[in-house]
């Protein structure tokens, strides 16, 4: 059985006047990369939900879940840019004045341009999401539903005696929130503020002044621990995402160069796309 002769390399005329940057290919690759990342993230969210459980002791541990989430995010970022980079390299029009090395450089640069466009789009969407969260948080805070609400509520839990009026308790909770926020932000709380917060708690919970101050110290310690854990998580997440983005840039370059070489060599994938 005769074998199919290799396809001759594709050469473009030296008189080509196309612009060096093929934005059509860049945008196409960015769209495909974004679509693949969305599909994989949606699939990953389903896997994540299957790993968690509302019952104590059931489901994956927090550490295992965090590791799995981090690895999946890295995989999604890198693999989607691999696919998008290959599309960019395969679809870019080669200009006839380019040597083999110069063509590789231009293909790779187009892949990185696709990666950069995707990062900019993601940054814009992230900023829009952050703005929405901030606006929603402000609305919640005005109604007493801010993220520190549970901590403040635990501070003003009563011992069975009737607390002060609802309006006075609400105002006291808002003031306590501002005092606790200063403590969790790394600023020391003055002894006078602690004593004042203890008097607020004592007046509205039925506790003695000493018991109220002990509760204040306990709640403040828990709040500091939670804030420190959130800070460390944010640092680790930032490093992981930054490393994943850098790896994705390298992957986009390599995939675009590979796609460009397949374009010039006329690499045939029809055996994978035939229905029969």
Protein backbone atom coordinates (compact mmCIF):
# COMPACT_ATOMS: atom_id res chain seq x y z
CA UNK A 1 0.00 0.00 0.00
CA UNK A 2 1.51 3.30 -1.11
CA UNK A 3 2.25 5.86 1.53
CA UNK A 4 1.11 9.43 1.20
CA UNK A 5 4.00 11.75 0.30
CA UNK A 6 4.76 14.46 2.84
CA UNK A 7 3.05 17.75 2.25
CA UNK A 8 5.35 20.44 0.92
CA UNK A 9 6.02 23.41 3.17
CA UNK A 10 3.75 26.36 2.58
CA UNK A 11 5.59 29.43 1.32
CA UNK A 12 4.15 32.88 0.97
CA UNK A 13 5.23 35.41 -1.56
CA UNK A 14 7.82 37.98 -0.65
CA UNK A 15 5.44 40.69 -1.86
CA UNK A 16 2.97 40.11 1.00
CA UNK A 17 1.80 43.37 2.52
CA UNK A 18 -0.02 42.01 5.55
CA UNK A 19 0.57 43.73 8.88
CA UNK A 20 3.04 41.97 11.13
CA UNK A 21 0.43 41.63 13.88
CA UNK A 22 -2.49 39.43 12.84
CA UNK A 23 -5.17 40.58 15.29
CA UNK A 24 -7.78 38.28 13.81
CA UNK A 25 -5.76 35.24 14.83
CA UNK A 26 -4.98 36.74 18.24
CA UNK A 27 -8.64 37.45 18.99
CA UNK A 28 -9.71 34.02 17.73
CA UNK A 29 -7.20 32.33 20.01
CA UNK A 30 -8.25 34.44 22.99
CA UNK A 31 -11.93 33.62 22.43
CA UNK A 32 -11.20 29.89 22.18
CA UNK A 33 -8.98 30.01 25.29
CA UNK A 34 -11.70 31.84 27.24
CA UNK A 35 -14.36 29.34 26.14
CA UNK A 36 -12.22 26.35 27.12
CA UNK A 37 -11.39 27.88 30.51
CA UNK A 38 -15.09 28.55 31.17
CA UNK A 39 -16.02 24.96 30.35
CA UNK A 40 -13.23 23.55 32.52
CA UNK A 41 -14.01 25.88 35.43
CA UNK A 42 -17.69 24.91 35.26
CA UNK A 43 -16.74 21.25 35.22
CA UNK A 44 -14.34 21.86 38.11
CA UNK A 45 -17.03 23.55 40.18
CA UNK A 46 -19.16 20.43 39.85
CA UNK A 47 -16.24 18.30 41.02
CA UNK A 48 -15.65 20.69 43.92
CA UNK A 49 -19.26 20.45 45.03
CA UNK A 50 -19.00 16.67 45.00
CA UNK A 51 -15.97 16.87 47.32
CA UNK A 52 -17.70 19.02 49.95
CA UNK A 53 -20.42 18.18 52.44
CA UNK A 54 -22.50 20.20 54.90
CA UNK A 55 -22.06 17.47 57.51
CA UNK A 56 -19.19 17.42 59.98
CA UNK A 57 -16.52 14.87 59.09
CA UNK A 58 -17.96 14.18 55.64
CA UNK A 59 -16.34 15.18 52.37
CA UNK A 60 -12.75 16.20 51.70
CA UNK A 61 -10.72 18.11 54.26
CA UNK A 62 -10.09 21.82 53.78
CA UNK A 63 -6.42 21.22 53.00
CA UNK A 64 -7.19 18.58 50.37
CA UNK A 65 -9.88 20.75 48.84
CA UNK A 66 -7.54 23.77 48.69
CA UNK A 67 -4.78 21.71 47.02
CA UNK A 68 -7.20 20.22 44.49
CA UNK A 69 -8.64 23.66 43.74
CA UNK A 70 -5.20 25.18 43.22
CA UNK A 71 -4.04 22.40 40.91
CA UNK A 72 -7.25 22.58 38.90
CA UNK A 73 -6.99 26.36 38.46
CA UNK A 74 -3.37 26.03 37.29
CA UNK A 75 -4.36 23.29 34.86
CA UNK A 76 -7.25 25.35 33.47
CA UNK A 77 -5.11 28.46 32.95
CA UNK A 78 -2.23 26.61 31.28
CA UNK A 79 -4.25 24.21 29.14
CA UNK A 80 -6.64 26.88 27.82
CA UNK A 81 -3.68 29.04 26.79
CA UNK A 82 -2.06 26.04 25.13
CA UNK A 83 -5.15 25.55 22.99
CA UNK A 84 -5.53 29.24 22.23
CA UNK A 85 -1.83 29.61 21.41
CA UNK A 86 -1.93 26.72 18.96
CA UNK A 87 -4.93 28.26 17.20
CA UNK A 88 -3.12 31.59 16.93
CA UNK A 89 -0.01 30.00 15.40
CA UNK A 90 -1.98 27.83 12.99
CA UNK A 91 -4.24 30.68 11.84
CA UNK A 92 -1.66 33.48 11.59
CA UNK A 93 -0.73 34.48 8.05
CA UNK A 94 2.97 34.05 7.45
CA UNK A 95 4.72 36.95 5.71
CA UNK A 96 7.20 36.06 3.00
CA UNK A 97 10.14 38.10 4.30
CA UNK A 98 10.50 35.96 7.42
CA UNK A 99 13.17 33.33 7.95
CA UNK A 100 12.32 30.17 9.85
CA UNK A 101 13.59 31.63 13.10
CA UNK A 102 11.84 34.95 12.51
CA UNK A 103 8.59 33.13 11.75
CA UNK A 104 8.88 31.21 15.02
CA UNK A 105 9.46 34.45 16.91
CA UNK A 106 6.44 36.10 15.30
CA UNK A 107 4.25 33.08 15.97
CA UNK A 108 5.36 32.97 19.59
CA UNK A 109 4.82 36.70 19.99
CA UNK A 110 1.29 36.31 18.68
CA UNK A 111 0.72 33.58 21.24
CA UNK A 112 1.89 35.86 24.06
CA UNK A 113 -0.29 38.67 22.65
CA UNK A 114 -3.26 36.29 22.85
CA UNK A 115 -2.31 35.51 26.46
CA UNK A 116 -2.01 39.21 27.28
CA UNK A 117 -5.40 39.97 25.75
CA UNK A 118 -6.96 37.20 27.82
CA UNK A 119 -5.33 38.51 31.01
CA UNK A 120 -6.61 42.03 30.32
CA UNK A 121 -10.15 40.76 29.72
CA UNK A 122 -10.00 38.69 32.90
CA UNK A 123 -8.70 41.72 34.83
CA UNK A 124 -11.56 43.90 33.58
CA UNK A 125 -14.12 41.24 34.51
CA UNK A 126 -12.47 40.78 37.91
CA UNK A 127 -12.54 44.52 38.60
CA UNK A 128 -16.20 44.63 37.62
CA UNK A 129 -16.86 41.75 39.98
CA UNK A 130 -14.93 43.44 42.78
CA UNK A 131 -16.88 46.65 42.25
CA UNK A 132 -20.12 44.73 42.47
CA UNK A 133 -18.99 42.99 45.64
CA UNK A 134 -17.96 46.29 47.22
CA UNK A 135 -21.27 47.91 46.34
CA UNK A 136 -23.19 44.90 47.64
CA UNK A 137 -21.08 44.84 50.78
CA UNK A 138 -21.82 48.49 51.44
CA UNK A 139 -25.54 47.82 51.16
CA UNK A 140 -25.28 44.84 53.48
CA UNK A 141 -23.23 46.80 55.97
CA UNK A 142 -25.82 49.54 56.12
CA UNK A 143 -28.36 46.89 57.09
CA UNK A 144 -26.13 45.06 59.55
CA UNK A 145 -25.26 42.17 57.16
CA UNK A 146 -21.51 42.80 56.80
CA UNK A 147 -18.98 39.93 56.88
CA UNK A 148 -18.18 40.63 60.57
CA UNK A 149 -21.85 40.32 61.56
CA UNK A 150 -21.47 36.85 63.08
CA UNK A 151 -18.50 37.94 65.19
CA UNK A 152 -20.34 41.00 66.47
CA UNK A 153 -23.53 39.00 67.09
CA UNK A 154 -21.58 36.53 69.21
CA UNK A 155 -20.28 39.48 71.20
CA UNK A 156 -23.80 40.68 72.09
CA UNK A 157 -25.48 37.34 72.81
CA UNK A 158 -27.59 37.64 75.93
CA UNK A 159 -27.66 35.44 79.01
CA UNK A 160 -31.45 35.24 79.02
CA UNK A 161 -32.15 38.70 80.36
CA UNK A 162 -33.94 41.23 78.21
CA UNK A 163 -31.39 43.31 76.28
CA UNK A 164 -31.69 47.00 75.53
CA UNK A 165 -33.94 48.29 72.75
CA UNK A 166 -33.35 47.14 69.20
CA UNK A 167 -32.25 50.55 67.96
CA UNK A 168 -29.72 50.97 70.75
CA UNK A 169 -28.35 47.46 70.24
CA UNK A 170 -28.01 48.03 66.50
CA UNK A 171 -26.07 51.25 67.07
CA UNK A 172 -23.86 49.48 69.62
CA UNK A 173 -23.14 46.68 67.14
CA UNK A 174 -22.08 49.15 64.48
CA UNK A 175 -19.74 50.86 66.91
CA UNK A 176 -18.34 47.51 68.06
CA UNK A 177 -17.75 46.54 64.42
CA UNK A 178 -15.58 49.60 63.86
CA UNK A 179 -13.57 48.93 67.02
CA UNK A 180 -13.03 45.26 66.13
CA UNK A 181 -12.07 46.20 62.56
CA UNK A 182 -9.24 48.32 63.93
CA UNK A 183 -7.99 45.40 65.99
CA UNK A 184 -8.08 42.89 63.13
CA UNK A 185 -6.33 45.36 60.79
CA UNK A 186 -3.17 45.18 62.89
CA UNK A 187 -3.78 48.32 64.93
CA UNK A 188 -3.79 47.81 68.71
CA UNK A 189 -7.03 48.55 70.49
CA UNK A 190 -6.58 51.00 73.32
CA UNK A 191 -7.46 49.82 76.82
CA UNK A 192 -10.05 52.58 77.02
CA UNK A 193 -11.74 51.25 73.88
CA UNK A 194 -11.73 47.71 75.29
CA UNK A 195 -13.25 48.92 78.53
CA UNK A 196 -15.87 50.92 76.63
CA UNK A 197 -16.69 47.91 74.45
CA UNK A 198 -16.99 45.82 77.60
CA UNK A 199 -19.50 48.31 79.04
CA UNK A 200 -21.54 48.16 75.82
CA UNK A 201 -21.63 44.38 75.97
CA UNK A 202 -22.40 44.30 79.69
CA UNK A 203 -25.27 46.76 79.33
CA UNK A 204 -26.94 44.71 76.59
CA UNK A 205 -26.25 41.10 77.57
CA UNK A 206 -26.67 40.93 81.34
CA UNK A 207 -23.00 40.01 81.88
CA UNK A 208 -20.85 41.61 84.53
CA UNK A 209 -18.18 44.06 83.44
CA UNK A 210 -15.41 41.48 84.01
CA UNK A 211 -17.29 38.79 82.08
CA UNK A 212 -18.01 41.24 79.26
CA UNK A 213 -14.34 42.18 78.96
CA UNK A 214 -13.36 38.51 78.89
CA UNK A 215 -15.83 37.97 76.06
CA UNK A 216 -14.39 40.94 74.20
CA UNK A 217 -10.87 39.52 74.50
CA UNK A 218 -12.04 36.09 73.31
CA UNK A 219 -13.97 37.44 70.32
CA UNK A 220 -11.11 39.75 69.36
CA UNK A 221 -8.63 36.84 69.47
CA UNK A 222 -10.87 34.74 67.21
CA UNK A 223 -11.30 37.65 64.81
CA UNK A 224 -7.53 38.18 64.62
CA UNK A 225 -6.96 34.48 63.96
CA UNK A 226 -9.52 34.48 61.15
CA UNK A 227 -8.07 37.66 59.63
CA UNK A 228 -4.53 36.23 59.75
CA UNK A 229 -5.69 33.00 58.09
CA UNK A 230 -7.43 35.01 55.36
CA UNK A 231 -4.28 37.08 54.83
CA UNK A 232 -2.09 33.97 54.46
CA UNK A 233 -4.60 32.40 52.08
CA UNK A 234 -4.59 35.56 49.97
CA UNK A 235 -0.78 35.57 49.80
CA UNK A 236 -0.58 31.92 48.76
CA UNK A 237 -3.39 32.37 46.22
CA UNK A 238 -1.67 35.40 44.73
CA UNK A 239 1.62 33.55 44.26
CA UNK A 240 -0.11 30.51 42.77
CA UNK A 241 -2.13 32.56 40.29
CA UNK A 242 0.90 34.66 39.31
CA UNK A 243 2.99 31.52 38.74
CA UNK A 244 0.16 29.94 36.74
CA UNK A 245 -0.12 33.04 34.54
CA UNK A 246 3.61 33.04 33.84
CA UNK A 247 3.47 29.33 32.99
CA UNK A 248 0.48 30.06 30.74
CA UNK A 249 2.48 32.74 28.87
CA UNK A 250 5.27 30.24 28.21
CA UNK A 251 2.71 27.64 27.15
CA UNK A 252 1.04 30.10 24.76
CA UNK A 253 4.42 30.92 23.17
CA UNK A 254 5.34 27.25 22.73
CA UNK A 255 1.91 26.28 21.39
CA UNK A 256 1.85 29.20 18.93
CA UNK A 257 5.30 28.27 17.60
CA UNK A 258 4.17 24.66 17.25
CA UNK A 259 1.00 25.74 15.48
CA UNK A 260 3.01 27.93 13.11
CA UNK A 261 5.32 25.07 12.20
CA UNK A 262 2.35 22.80 11.57
CA UNK A 263 0.89 25.55 9.38
CA UNK A 264 4.05 25.81 7.29
CA UNK A 265 4.51 22.04 7.07
CA UNK A 266 0.86 21.47 6.23
CA UNK A 267 0.46 19.00 9.11
CA UNK A 268 -2.63 16.90 8.41
CA UNK A 269 -5.01 16.00 11.26
CA UNK A 270 -7.79 14.76 9.01
CA UNK A 271 -7.55 11.22 10.39
CA UNK A 272 -8.80 12.65 13.71
CA UNK A 273 -11.60 14.70 12.17
CA UNK A 274 -13.11 12.21 9.74
CA UNK A 275 -16.47 10.83 10.79
CA UNK A 276 -15.83 7.57 8.94
